[in-house]
Amino acid sequence: MSEEIKQNPDACPLNPHKSKIGGQALIEGVMMKGAYKGAMACRLPDGTIDVETWDLKGGKNKPWYRKVPLIRGCYSFIFSMADGYRCLMKSAEKQMTEEEIEQEEQPSKLEAWLDEHFNEKTVETIMMIGMVLGVVASLALFLFLPKWLVGLIKPLTANRILQSFSEGIIKIIIFVGYMAVTSTMKDIRRTYEYHGAEHKTIACFEAGLPLTVENVQKQVRLHPRCGTSFIFLTLFISILVMCLVPFTVPWQRFLCSLCLLPITVGCSFECIQFAGRSNSAIAKFISYPGLQLQRITTKEPDASQIEIAIAAMKPCIPENLEDDLW
């Protein structure tokens, strides 16, 4: 690899390669993370592009828990969720005008009532309880509800493999239905367009092409390392894992699925990483269902959205492109 390629962060590899860089769509923006840098780019209300960058810990000197199979998947999942949520909230704040910010600073009637009748610690506790209830509701929807519904049909509980696959089918129906419904909402559809811009920009870089709007537009918007594919793999692997659980009572299976969730997530992470770096027939087989689901969660972006994805991508390209190789 030439010195020019090693030292120029805007350069592209001499040959196509599988990149480690990944990202997430935001509100009017895109977040990317590379080997050493993270960046988020957003289109502000005045039309300008705002870019934030930050250093990422690890690189080649990652701690042991980021190297051990299964364990690294759980860590990456939790870290990515927290980092993605932080960037998503920031991107929402950047869309607010000065008038909206002033109105936001004024407490609502509910906030004023809480401040008047409760101290600060009590209010924080109430907010924390609300967040916990949100997590509980998600777990009930994707973990408990399918098991409860299948438990009502006695013939399906006679065989644990049949029971597990029935539960899994309901989970997938809920997941696909949720994505299909949200894709019809204007704001969500626009976020899906930024999702497409993120994938196409990564694909352009992996193809060894300069990051221009024209080059990015030519790329496919489906990518094997997408979060949509990860969720589908998690749902599918959970079916296989639950086939090993001998219990048939819904609440017992629910508790088992909670306990086995780290293993399920860890396995899904290893599969998605393999699919992202390999061109083998097995990798294509693993990727296929998730890629088809991405036809819902990604939409074709316009030039202005691609500009945002490129702006988020460039700071994440390491100076030595060999550090971006698997």
C-alpha atoms as a PDB file:
ATOM      1  CA  MET A   1       0.000   0.000   0.000  1.00  0.00           C
ATOM      2  CA  SER A   2       1.482   3.364  -1.034  1.00  0.00           C
ATOM      3  CA  GLU A   3       2.394   6.208   1.338  1.00  0.00           C
ATOM      4  CA  GLU A   4      -0.249   8.404  -0.313  1.00  0.00           C
ATOM      5  CA  ILE A   5      -2.959   5.895   0.516  1.00  0.00           C
ATOM      6  CA  LYS A   6      -1.680   5.445   4.069  1.00  0.00           C
ATOM      7  CA  GLN A   7      -1.501   9.122   4.968  1.00  0.00           C
ATOM      8  CA  ASN A   8      -4.418  10.710   3.104  1.00  0.00           C
ATOM      9  CA  PRO A   9      -7.675  10.194   5.054  1.00  0.00           C
ATOM     10  CA  ASP A  10      -9.740  11.151   1.998  1.00  0.00           C
ATOM     11  CA  ALA A  11      -8.021   8.589  -0.201  1.00  0.00           C
ATOM     12  CA  CYS A  12      -9.527   5.213  -0.981  1.00  0.00           C
ATOM     13  CA  PRO A  13      -7.876   1.789  -1.008  1.00  0.00           C
ATOM     14  CA  LEU A  14      -6.233   0.642  -4.202  1.00  0.00           C
ATOM     15  CA  ASN A  15      -8.494  -2.401  -4.191  1.00  0.00           C
ATOM     16  CA  PRO A  16     -12.032  -2.977  -2.877  1.00  0.00           C
ATOM     17  CA  HIS A  17     -12.111  -4.187   0.723  1.00  0.00           C
ATOM     18  CA  LYS A  18     -14.496  -4.964   3.579  1.00  0.00           C
ATOM     19  CA  SER A  19     -14.488  -1.972   5.920  1.00  0.00           C
ATOM     20  CA  LYS A  20     -15.028  -1.996   9.685  1.00  0.00           C
ATOM     21  CA  ILE A  21     -16.732   1.399   9.582  1.00  0.00           C
ATOM     22  CA  GLY A  22     -20.396   1.321  10.578  1.00  0.00           C
ATOM     23  CA  GLY A  23     -23.064   3.885  11.236  1.00  0.00           C
ATOM     24  CA  GLN A  24     -26.599   4.852  12.109  1.00  0.00           C
ATOM     25  CA  ALA A  25     -29.206   7.174  10.670  1.00  0.00           C
ATOM     26  CA  LEU A  26     -30.147  10.157  12.830  1.00  0.00           C
ATOM     27  CA  ILE A  27     -32.719  12.935  12.594  1.00  0.00           C
ATOM     28  CA  GLU A  28     -31.569  14.845   9.517  1.00  0.00           C
ATOM     29  CA  GLY A  29     -28.163  13.270   9.931  1.00  0.00           C
ATOM     30  CA  VAL A  30     -25.845  10.277  10.039  1.00  0.00           C
ATOM     31  CA  MET A  31     -23.462   8.913  12.663  1.00  0.00           C
ATOM     32  CA  MET A  32     -20.381   6.864  11.722  1.00  0.00           C
ATOM     33  CA  LYS A  33     -17.772   5.028  13.787  1.00  0.00           C
ATOM     34  CA  GLY A  34     -14.397   3.821  12.564  1.00  0.00           C
ATOM     35  CA  ALA A  35     -11.335   2.269  14.173  1.00  0.00           C
ATOM     36  CA  TYR A  36     -10.298   5.363  16.126  1.00  0.00           C
ATOM     37  CA  LYS A  37     -12.844   8.115  15.424  1.00  0.00           C
ATOM     38  CA  GLY A  38     -16.575   8.617  15.662  1.00  0.00           C
ATOM     39  CA  ALA A  39     -18.465  11.391  13.859  1.00  0.00           C
ATOM     40  CA  MET A  40     -21.990  12.680  13.382  1.00  0.00           C
ATOM     41  CA  ALA A  41     -23.086  15.058  10.654  1.00  0.00           C
ATOM     42  CA  CYS A  42     -26.435  16.849  10.613  1.00  0.00           C
ATOM     43  CA  ARG A  43     -28.189  19.235   8.257  1.00  0.00           C
ATOM     44  CA  LEU A  44     -29.120  22.261  10.353  1.00  0.00           C
ATOM     45  CA  PRO A  45     -32.351  24.221   9.790  1.00  0.00           C
ATOM     46  CA  ASP A  46     -30.357  26.930   7.955  1.00  0.00           C
ATOM     47  CA  GLY A  47     -29.089  24.359   5.446  1.00  0.00           C
ATOM     48  CA  THR A  48     -25.494  24.143   6.684  1.00  0.00           C
ATOM     49  CA  ILE A  49     -23.785  20.890   7.697  1.00  0.00           C
ATOM     50  CA  ASP A  50     -22.738  20.499  11.331  1.00  0.00           C
ATOM     51  CA  VAL A  51     -20.078  17.860  12.066  1.00  0.00           C
ATOM     52  CA  GLU A  52     -18.991  16.589  15.485  1.00  0.00           C
ATOM     53  CA  THR A  53     -16.123  14.149  16.005  1.00  0.00           C
ATOM     54  CA  TRP A  54     -14.809  12.231  19.013  1.00  0.00           C
ATOM     55  CA  ASP A  55     -12.082   9.723  19.797  1.00  0.00           C
ATOM     56  CA  LEU A  56     -12.921   6.054  20.268  1.00  0.00           C
ATOM     57  CA  LYS A  57     -11.121   3.865  22.777  1.00  0.00           C
ATOM     58  CA  GLY A  58      -9.575   0.637  21.637  1.00  0.00           C
ATOM     59  CA  GLY A  59      -8.186   0.377  18.146  1.00  0.00           C
ATOM     60  CA  LYS A  60      -5.576  -2.351  18.114  1.00  0.00           C
ATOM     61  CA  ASN A  61      -5.243  -2.256  21.908  1.00  0.00           C
ATOM     62  CA  LYS A  62      -8.787  -3.294  22.783  1.00  0.00           C
ATOM     63  CA  PRO A  63      -9.446  -4.648  26.313  1.00  0.00           C
ATOM     64  CA  TRP A  64      -9.954  -8.411  26.632  1.00  0.00           C
ATOM     65  CA  TYR A  65     -13.775  -8.179  26.871  1.00  0.00           C
ATOM     66  CA  ARG A  66     -13.854  -6.617  23.397  1.00  0.00           C
ATOM     67  CA  LYS A  67     -11.920  -9.542  21.928  1.00  0.00           C
ATOM     68  CA  VAL A  68     -13.563 -12.628  23.458  1.00  0.00           C
ATOM     69  CA  PRO A  69     -16.312 -14.109  21.221  1.00  0.00           C
ATOM     70  CA  LEU A  70     -19.890 -13.759  22.572  1.00  0.00           C
ATOM     71  CA  ILE A  71     -18.749 -11.375  25.343  1.00  0.00           C
ATOM     72  CA  ARG A  72     -17.619  -8.762  22.803  1.00  0.00           C
ATOM     73  CA  GLY A  73     -21.017  -8.979  21.131  1.00  0.00           C
ATOM     74  CA  CYS A  74     -22.885  -8.089  24.333  1.00  0.00           C
ATOM     75  CA  TYR A  75     -20.510  -5.202  25.032  1.00  0.00           C
ATOM     76  CA  SER A  76     -20.773  -3.855  21.483  1.00  0.00           C
ATOM     77  CA  PHE A  77     -24.568  -4.104  21.543  1.00  0.00           C
ATOM     78  CA  ILE A  78     -24.903  -2.150  24.808  1.00  0.00           C
ATOM     79  CA  PHE A  79     -22.279   0.418  23.820  1.00  0.00           C
ATOM     80  CA  SER A  80     -23.798   0.923  20.365  1.00  0.00           C
ATOM     81  CA  MET A  81     -27.279   1.372  21.829  1.00  0.00           C
ATOM     82  CA  ALA A  82     -26.058   3.995  24.318  1.00  0.00           C
ATOM     83  CA  ASP A  83     -23.916   5.818  21.749  1.00  0.00           C
ATOM     84  CA  GLY A  84     -26.682   5.719  19.143  1.00  0.00           C
ATOM     85  CA  TYR A  85     -29.259   7.082  21.587  1.00  0.00           C
ATOM     86  CA  ARG A  86     -26.917   9.906  22.600  1.00  0.00           C
ATOM     87  CA  CYS A  87     -26.330  10.915  18.975  1.00  0.00           C
ATOM     88  CA  LEU A  88     -30.028  10.621  18.154  1.00  0.00           C
ATOM     89  CA  MET A  89     -30.949  13.020  20.971  1.00  0.00           C
ATOM     90  CA  LYS A  90     -28.219  15.429  19.874  1.00  0.00           C
ATOM     91  CA  SER A  91     -29.442  15.367  16.287  1.00  0.00           C
ATOM     92  CA  ALA A  92     -32.967  16.195  17.474  1.00  0.00           C
ATOM     93  CA  GLU A  93     -31.676  19.152  19.480  1.00  0.00           C
ATOM     94  CA  LYS A  94     -29.822  20.485  16.428  1.00  0.00           C
ATOM     95  CA  GLN A  95     -33.111  20.750  14.513  1.00  0.00           C
ATOM     96  CA  MET A  96     -34.555  23.199  17.028  1.00  0.00           C
ATOM     97  CA  THR A  97     -34.690  26.899  16.164  1.00  0.00           C
ATOM     98  CA  GLU A  98     -33.848  29.608  18.712  1.00  0.00           C
ATOM     99  CA  GLU A  99     -37.557  30.229  19.358  1.00  0.00           C
ATOM    100  CA  GLU A 100     -38.148  26.524  19.982  1.00  0.00           C
ATOM    101  CA  ILE A 101     -35.164  26.405  22.343  1.00  0.00           C
ATOM    102  CA  GLU A 102     -36.557  29.335  24.349  1.00  0.00           C
ATOM    103  CA  GLN A 103     -39.950  27.618  24.568  1.00  0.00           C
ATOM    104  CA  GLU A 104     -38.265  24.365  25.569  1.00  0.00           C
ATOM    105  CA  GLU A 105     -36.475  26.112  28.441  1.00  0.00           C
ATOM    106  CA  GLN A 106     -39.816  27.203  29.878  1.00  0.00           C
ATOM    107  CA  PRO A 107     -41.201  24.407  32.105  1.00  0.00           C
ATOM    108  CA  SER A 108     -44.475  22.781  31.113  1.00  0.00           C
ATOM    109  CA  LYS A 109     -47.431  22.657  33.503  1.00  0.00           C
ATOM    110  CA  LEU A 110     -46.519  19.088  34.458  1.00  0.00           C
ATOM    111  CA  GLU A 111     -42.871  19.988  35.081  1.00  0.00           C
ATOM    112  CA  ALA A 112     -43.896  23.033  37.135  1.00  0.00           C
ATOM    113  CA  TRP A 113     -46.288  20.895  39.211  1.00  0.00           C
ATOM    114  CA  LEU A 114     -43.600  18.274  39.828  1.00  0.00           C
ATOM    115  CA  ASP A 115     -41.066  20.924  40.860  1.00  0.00           C
ATOM    116  CA  GLU A 116     -43.605  22.444  43.233  1.00  0.00           C
ATOM    117  CA  HIS A 117     -44.690  19.201  44.931  1.00  0.00           C
ATOM    118  CA  PHE A 118     -41.521  17.044  44.771  1.00  0.00           C
ATOM    119  CA  ASN A 119     -37.818  17.564  45.307  1.00  0.00           C
ATOM    120  CA  GLU A 120     -35.230  17.016  42.562  1.00  0.00           C
ATOM    121  CA  LYS A 121     -34.307  13.461  43.605  1.00  0.00           C
ATOM    122  CA  THR A 122     -37.954  12.381  43.592  1.00  0.00           C
ATOM    123  CA  VAL A 123     -38.466  13.788  40.086  1.00  0.00           C
ATOM    124  CA  GLU A 124     -35.336  11.937  38.885  1.00  0.00           C
ATOM    125  CA  THR A 125     -36.689   8.740  40.442  1.00  0.00           C
ATOM    126  CA  ILE A 126     -40.023   9.190  38.644  1.00  0.00           C
ATOM    127  CA  MET A 127     -38.203   9.706  35.330  1.00  0.00           C
ATOM    128  CA  MET A 128     -36.106   6.593  35.948  1.00  0.00           C
ATOM    129  CA  ILE A 129     -39.236   4.568  36.693  1.00  0.00           C
ATOM    130  CA  GLY A 130     -40.686   5.785  33.381  1.00  0.00           C
ATOM    131  CA  MET A 131     -37.603   4.571  31.498  1.00  0.00           C
ATOM    132  CA  VAL A 132     -37.749   1.200  33.246  1.00  0.00           C
ATOM    133  CA  LEU A 133     -41.425   0.855  32.329  1.00  0.00           C
ATOM    134  CA  GLY A 134     -40.506   1.537  28.700  1.00  0.00           C
ATOM    135  CA  VAL A 135     -37.942  -1.277  28.738  1.00  0.00           C
ATOM    136  CA  VAL A 136     -40.449  -3.585  30.449  1.00  0.00           C
ATOM    137  CA  ALA A 137     -43.043  -2.791  27.773  1.00  0.00           C
ATOM    138  CA  SER A 138     -40.530  -3.684  25.012  1.00  0.00           C
ATOM    139  CA  LEU A 139     -39.639  -6.958  26.708  1.00  0.00           C
ATOM    140  CA  ALA A 140     -43.323  -7.771  27.132  1.00  0.00           C
ATOM    141  CA  LEU A 141     -44.004  -7.103  23.444  1.00  0.00           C
ATOM    142  CA  PHE A 142     -41.134  -9.125  21.958  1.00  0.00           C
ATOM    143  CA  LEU A 143     -40.440 -11.753  24.614  1.00  0.00           C
ATOM    144  CA  PHE A 144     -43.557 -12.419  26.678  1.00  0.00           C
ATOM    145  CA  LEU A 145     -46.453 -11.751  24.267  1.00  0.00           C
ATOM    146  CA  PRO A 146     -45.395 -14.362  21.654  1.00  0.00           C
ATOM    147  CA  LYS A 147     -44.906 -16.991  24.376  1.00  0.00           C
ATOM    148  CA  TRP A 148     -48.262 -16.173  25.946  1.00  0.00           C
ATOM    149  CA  LEU A 149     -50.103 -16.346  22.604  1.00  0.00           C
ATOM    150  CA  VAL A 150     -48.522 -19.684  21.678  1.00  0.00           C
ATOM    151  CA  GLY A 151     -49.276 -20.974  25.195  1.00  0.00           C
ATOM    152  CA  LEU A 152     -52.984 -20.469  24.506  1.00  0.00           C
ATOM    153  CA  ILE A 153     -52.814 -23.010  21.665  1.00  0.00           C
ATOM    154  CA  LYS A 154     -52.213 -26.307  23.457  1.00  0.00           C
ATOM    155  CA  PRO A 155     -51.246 -28.406  20.399  1.00  0.00           C
ATOM    156  CA  LEU A 156     -48.290 -26.030  19.790  1.00  0.00           C
ATOM    157  CA  THR A 157     -46.914 -26.603  23.296  1.00  0.00           C
ATOM    158  CA  ALA A 158     -46.774 -30.392  22.917  1.00  0.00           C
ATOM    159  CA  ASN A 159     -43.434 -30.111  21.099  1.00  0.00           C
ATOM    160  CA  ARG A 160     -40.840 -27.583  22.285  1.00  0.00           C
ATOM    161  CA  ILE A 161     -39.334 -27.202  18.802  1.00  0.00           C
ATOM    162  CA  LEU A 162     -42.752 -26.444  17.303  1.00  0.00           C
ATOM    163  CA  GLN A 163     -43.453 -24.103  20.217  1.00  0.00           C
ATOM    164  CA  SER A 164     -40.153 -22.251  19.741  1.00  0.00           C
ATOM    165  CA  PHE A 165     -40.666 -21.801  15.996  1.00  0.00           C
ATOM    166  CA  SER A 166     -44.248 -20.596  16.554  1.00  0.00           C
ATOM    167  CA  GLU A 167     -43.036 -18.015  19.066  1.00  0.00           C
ATOM    168  CA  GLY A 168     -40.294 -16.935  16.678  1.00  0.00           C
ATOM    169  CA  ILE A 169     -42.708 -16.480  13.778  1.00  0.00           C
ATOM    170  CA  ILE A 170     -44.890 -14.207  15.927  1.00  0.00           C
ATOM    171  CA  LYS A 171     -41.808 -12.161  16.940  1.00  0.00           C
ATOM    172  CA  ILE A 172     -40.809 -11.722  13.314  1.00  0.00           C
ATOM    173  CA  ILE A 173     -44.360 -10.751  12.310  1.00  0.00           C
ATOM    174  CA  ILE A 174     -44.424  -8.100  15.069  1.00  0.00           C
ATOM    175  CA  PHE A 175     -41.004  -6.795  14.011  1.00  0.00           C
ATOM    176  CA  VAL A 176     -41.750  -6.660  10.274  1.00  0.00           C
ATOM    177  CA  GLY A 177     -45.202  -5.186  10.915  1.00  0.00           C
ATOM    178  CA  TYR A 178     -43.734  -2.457  13.104  1.00  0.00           C
ATOM    179  CA  MET A 179     -41.155  -1.529  10.455  1.00  0.00           C
ATOM    180  CA  ALA A 180     -43.741  -1.555   7.669  1.00  0.00           C
ATOM    181  CA  VAL A 181     -46.129   0.718   9.581  1.00  0.00           C
ATOM    182  CA  THR A 182     -43.422   3.193  10.649  1.00  0.00           C
ATOM    183  CA  SER A 183     -42.054   3.385   7.097  1.00  0.00           C
ATOM    184  CA  THR A 184     -45.314   5.054   6.025  1.00  0.00           C
ATOM    185  CA  MET A 185     -44.715   7.957   8.458  1.00  0.00           C
ATOM    186  CA  LYS A 186     -43.111  10.976   6.795  1.00  0.00           C
ATOM    187  CA  ASP A 187     -40.450  11.651   9.443  1.00  0.00           C
ATOM    188  CA  ILE A 188     -39.508   7.988   9.808  1.00  0.00           C
ATOM    189  CA  ARG A 189     -39.319   7.539   6.042  1.00  0.00           C
ATOM    190  CA  ARG A 190     -36.874  10.454   5.877  1.00  0.00           C
ATOM    191  CA  THR A 191     -34.739   8.772   8.542  1.00  0.00           C
ATOM    192  CA  TYR A 192     -34.821   5.605   6.427  1.00  0.00           C
ATOM    193  CA  GLU A 193     -33.502   7.697   3.522  1.00  0.00           C
ATOM    194  CA  TYR A 194     -30.535   8.752   5.663  1.00  0.00           C
ATOM    195  CA  HIS A 195     -30.138   5.070   6.538  1.00  0.00           C
ATOM    196  CA  GLY A 196     -29.852   4.365   2.823  1.00  0.00           C
ATOM    197  CA  ALA A 197     -27.312   7.185   2.438  1.00  0.00           C
ATOM    198  CA  GLU A 198     -25.218   5.679   5.236  1.00  0.00           C
ATOM    199  CA  HIS A 199     -25.157   2.236   3.587  1.00  0.00           C
ATOM    200  CA  LYS A 200     -24.425   3.571   0.099  1.00  0.00           C
ATOM    201  CA  THR A 201     -21.532   5.713   1.392  1.00  0.00           C
ATOM    202  CA  ILE A 202     -19.940   2.752   3.176  1.00  0.00           C
ATOM    203  CA  ALA A 203     -20.419   0.659   0.023  1.00  0.00           C
ATOM    204  CA  CYS A 204     -18.708   3.351  -2.063  1.00  0.00           C
ATOM    205  CA  PHE A 205     -15.737   3.392   0.282  1.00  0.00           C
ATOM    206  CA  GLU A 206     -15.555  -0.413   0.277  1.00  0.00           C
ATOM    207  CA  ALA A 207     -15.603  -0.362  -3.524  1.00  0.00           C
ATOM    208  CA  GLY A 208     -12.422   1.733  -3.477  1.00  0.00           C
ATOM    209  CA  LEU A 209     -14.058   4.775  -5.091  1.00  0.00           C
ATOM    210  CA  PRO A 210     -13.635   8.443  -4.138  1.00  0.00           C
ATOM    211  CA  LEU A 211     -16.420   9.642  -1.851  1.00  0.00           C
ATOM    212  CA  THR A 212     -18.429  11.846  -4.192  1.00  0.00           C
ATOM    213  CA  VAL A 213     -22.201  12.183  -4.445  1.00  0.00           C
ATOM    214  CA  GLU A 214     -22.129  10.718  -7.961  1.00  0.00           C
ATOM    215  CA  ASN A 215     -20.152   7.631  -6.890  1.00  0.00           C
ATOM    216  CA  VAL A 216     -22.277   7.058  -3.795  1.00  0.00           C
ATOM    217  CA  GLN A 217     -25.551   7.300  -5.730  1.00  0.00           C
ATOM    218  CA  LYS A 218     -24.496   4.337  -7.889  1.00  0.00           C
ATOM    219  CA  GLN A 219     -24.105   1.989  -4.899  1.00  0.00           C
ATOM    220  CA  VAL A 220     -26.665  -0.448  -3.506  1.00  0.00           C
ATOM    221  CA  ARG A 221     -28.424   0.680  -0.333  1.00  0.00           C
ATOM    222  CA  LEU A 222     -28.446  -2.787   1.302  1.00  0.00           C
ATOM    223  CA  HIS A 223     -25.529  -3.812   3.547  1.00  0.00           C
ATOM    224  CA  PRO A 224     -24.863  -7.093   5.425  1.00  0.00           C
ATOM    225  CA  ARG A 225     -23.673  -5.364   8.633  1.00  0.00           C
ATOM    226  CA  CYS A 226     -26.914  -3.416   9.123  1.00  0.00           C
ATOM    227  CA  GLY A 227     -28.749  -3.222  12.447  1.00  0.00           C
ATOM    228  CA  THR A 228     -31.888  -4.523  10.730  1.00  0.00           C
ATOM    229  CA  SER A 229     -30.018  -7.694   9.787  1.00  0.00           C
ATOM    230  CA  PHE A 230     -28.658  -7.946  13.330  1.00  0.00           C
ATOM    231  CA  ILE A 231     -32.154  -7.791  14.843  1.00  0.00           C
ATOM    232  CA  PHE A 232     -33.461 -10.425  12.425  1.00  0.00           C
ATOM    233  CA  LEU A 233     -30.526 -12.718  13.237  1.00  0.00           C
ATOM    234  CA  THR A 234     -31.178 -12.202  16.950  1.00  0.00           C
ATOM    235  CA  LEU A 235     -34.821 -13.194  16.480  1.00  0.00           C
ATOM    236  CA  PHE A 236     -33.890 -16.252  14.414  1.00  0.00           C
ATOM    237  CA  ILE A 237     -31.125 -17.428  16.742  1.00  0.00           C
ATOM    238  CA  SER A 238     -33.481 -16.996  19.696  1.00  0.00           C
ATOM    239  CA  ILE A 239     -35.701 -19.632  18.050  1.00  0.00           C
ATOM    240  CA  LEU A 240     -32.813 -22.112  17.960  1.00  0.00           C
ATOM    241  CA  VAL A 241     -31.752 -21.284  21.518  1.00  0.00           C
ATOM    242  CA  MET A 242     -35.289 -21.672  22.885  1.00  0.00           C
ATOM    243  CA  CYS A 243     -35.551 -25.111  21.244  1.00  0.00           C
ATOM    244  CA  LEU A 244     -33.129 -26.265  23.957  1.00  0.00           C
ATOM    245  CA  VAL A 245     -35.361 -24.993  26.793  1.00  0.00           C
ATOM    246  CA  PRO A 246     -37.456 -27.871  28.211  1.00  0.00           C
ATOM    247  CA  PHE A 247     -40.146 -25.658  29.787  1.00  0.00           C
ATOM    248  CA  THR A 248     -43.507 -25.072  28.110  1.00  0.00           C
ATOM    249  CA  VAL A 249     -45.136 -22.681  30.614  1.00  0.00           C
ATOM    250  CA  PRO A 250     -45.024 -19.123  29.136  1.00  0.00           C
ATOM    251  CA  TRP A 251     -43.630 -17.318  32.194  1.00  0.00           C
ATOM    252  CA  GLN A 252     -40.921 -19.963  32.653  1.00  0.00           C
ATOM    253  CA  ARG A 253     -39.893 -19.645  28.996  1.00  0.00           C
ATOM    254  CA  PHE A 254     -39.930 -15.857  29.359  1.00  0.00           C
ATOM    255  CA  LEU A 255     -37.457 -15.993  32.279  1.00  0.00           C
ATOM    256  CA  CYS A 256     -35.267 -18.439  30.369  1.00  0.00           C
ATOM    257  CA  SER A 257     -35.227 -16.188  27.313  1.00  0.00           C
ATOM    258  CA  LEU A 258     -34.111 -13.273  29.503  1.00  0.00           C
ATOM    259  CA  CYS A 259     -31.287 -15.323  30.995  1.00  0.00           C
ATOM    260  CA  LEU A 260     -30.218 -16.586  27.561  1.00  0.00           C
ATOM    261  CA  LEU A 261     -30.433 -13.145  25.897  1.00  0.00           C
ATOM    262  CA  PRO A 262     -26.667 -12.422  26.261  1.00  0.00           C
ATOM    263  CA  ILE A 263     -25.860 -15.689  24.475  1.00  0.00           C
ATOM    264  CA  THR A 264     -28.377 -14.915  21.725  1.00  0.00           C
ATOM    265  CA  VAL A 265     -27.004 -11.396  21.205  1.00  0.00           C
ATOM    266  CA  GLY A 266     -23.420 -12.665  21.295  1.00  0.00           C
ATOM    267  CA  CYS A 267     -24.110 -15.286  18.626  1.00  0.00           C
ATOM    268  CA  SER A 268     -25.910 -12.746  16.444  1.00  0.00           C
ATOM    269  CA  PHE A 269     -22.953 -10.370  16.683  1.00  0.00           C
ATOM    270  CA  GLU A 270     -20.500 -13.058  15.553  1.00  0.00           C
ATOM    271  CA  CYS A 271     -22.766 -13.973  12.623  1.00  0.00           C
ATOM    272  CA  ILE A 272     -23.190 -10.367  11.481  1.00  0.00           C
ATOM    273  CA  GLN A 273     -19.439  -9.747  11.710  1.00  0.00           C
ATOM    274  CA  PHE A 274     -18.742 -12.874   9.649  1.00  0.00           C
ATOM    275  CA  ALA A 275     -21.328 -11.851   7.059  1.00  0.00           C
ATOM    276  CA  GLY A 276     -19.808  -8.369   6.861  1.00  0.00           C
ATOM    277  CA  ARG A 277     -16.256  -9.500   6.142  1.00  0.00           C
ATOM    278  CA  SER A 278     -16.830 -12.600   4.000  1.00  0.00           C
ATOM    279  CA  ASN A 279     -17.977 -13.179   0.427  1.00  0.00           C
ATOM    280  CA  SER A 280     -18.605 -16.895   0.953  1.00  0.00           C
ATOM    281  CA  ALA A 281     -21.854 -18.662   0.109  1.00  0.00           C
ATOM    282  CA  ILE A 282     -22.511 -19.172   3.838  1.00  0.00           C
ATOM    283  CA  ALA A 283     -22.157 -15.431   4.498  1.00  0.00           C
ATOM    284  CA  LYS A 284     -24.541 -14.632   1.638  1.00  0.00           C
ATOM    285  CA  PHE A 285     -27.031 -17.168   3.005  1.00  0.00           C
ATOM    286  CA  ILE A 286     -26.858 -15.588   6.475  1.00  0.00           C
ATOM    287  CA  SER A 287     -27.232 -12.078   5.041  1.00  0.00           C
ATOM    288  CA  TYR A 288     -30.093 -12.704   2.611  1.00  0.00           C
ATOM    289  CA  PRO A 289     -33.142 -12.401   4.960  1.00  0.00           C
ATOM    290  CA  GLY A 290     -31.773  -9.255   6.615  1.00  0.00           C
ATOM    291  CA  LEU A 291     -30.967  -7.674   3.264  1.00  0.00           C
ATOM    292  CA  GLN A 292     -34.546  -8.201   2.124  1.00  0.00           C
ATOM    293  CA  LEU A 293     -35.861  -6.557   5.316  1.00  0.00           C
ATOM    294  CA  GLN A 294     -33.614  -3.587   4.616  1.00  0.00           C
ATOM    295  CA  ARG A 295     -35.818  -2.829   1.627  1.00  0.00           C
ATOM    296  CA  ILE A 296     -38.227  -1.540   4.286  1.00  0.00           C
ATOM    297  CA  THR A 297     -35.772   0.220   6.634  1.00  0.00           C
ATOM    298  CA  THR A 298     -33.684   1.888   3.912  1.00  0.00           C
ATOM    299  CA  LYS A 299     -34.911   4.195   1.153  1.00  0.00           C
ATOM    300  CA  GLU A 300     -33.104   5.840  -1.745  1.00  0.00           C
ATOM    301  CA  PRO A 301     -31.509   9.115  -0.532  1.00  0.00           C
ATOM    302  CA  ASP A 302     -31.215  12.383  -2.401  1.00  0.00           C
ATOM    303  CA  ALA A 303     -27.949  14.237  -3.047  1.00  0.00           C
ATOM    304  CA  SER A 304     -28.239  16.447   0.057  1.00  0.00           C
ATOM    305  CA  GLN A 305     -28.609  13.376   2.312  1.00  0.00           C
ATOM    306  CA  ILE A 306     -25.620  11.699   0.677  1.00  0.00           C
ATOM    307  CA  GLU A 307     -23.560  14.833   1.389  1.00  0.00           C
ATOM    308  CA  ILE A 308     -24.359  14.374   5.075  1.00  0.00           C
ATOM    309  CA  ALA A 309     -23.295  10.709   5.039  1.00  0.00           C
ATOM    310  CA  ILE A 310     -20.024  11.582   3.304  1.00  0.00           C
ATOM    311  CA  ALA A 311     -19.346  14.337   5.854  1.00  0.00           C
ATOM    312  CA  ALA A 312     -19.843  11.815   8.682  1.00  0.00           C
ATOM    313  CA  MET A 313     -17.735   9.160   6.951  1.00  0.00           C
ATOM    314  CA  LYS A 314     -14.573  11.114   6.148  1.00  0.00           C
ATOM    315  CA  PRO A 315     -13.409  11.788   9.755  1.00  0.00           C
ATOM    316  CA  CYS A 316     -13.766   8.058  10.541  1.00  0.00           C
ATOM    317  CA  ILE A 317     -11.370   6.877   7.811  1.00  0.00           C
ATOM    318  CA  PRO A 318      -8.068   6.036   9.559  1.00  0.00           C
ATOM    319  CA  GLU A 319      -4.869   7.640   8.277  1.00  0.00           C
ATOM    320  CA  ASN A 320      -3.449   4.179   7.699  1.00  0.00           C
ATOM    321  CA  LEU A 321      -6.146   2.314   5.808  1.00  0.00           C
ATOM    322  CA  GLU A 322      -4.621  -1.005   6.844  1.00  0.00           C
ATOM    323  CA  ASP A 323      -6.189  -0.340  10.264  1.00  0.00           C
ATOM    324  CA  ASP A 324      -9.598  -0.580   8.580  1.00  0.00           C
ATOM    325  CA  LEU A 325      -8.988  -4.116   7.319  1.00  0.00           C
ATOM    326  CA  TRP A 326     -10.502  -7.131   9.085  1.00  0.00           C
END
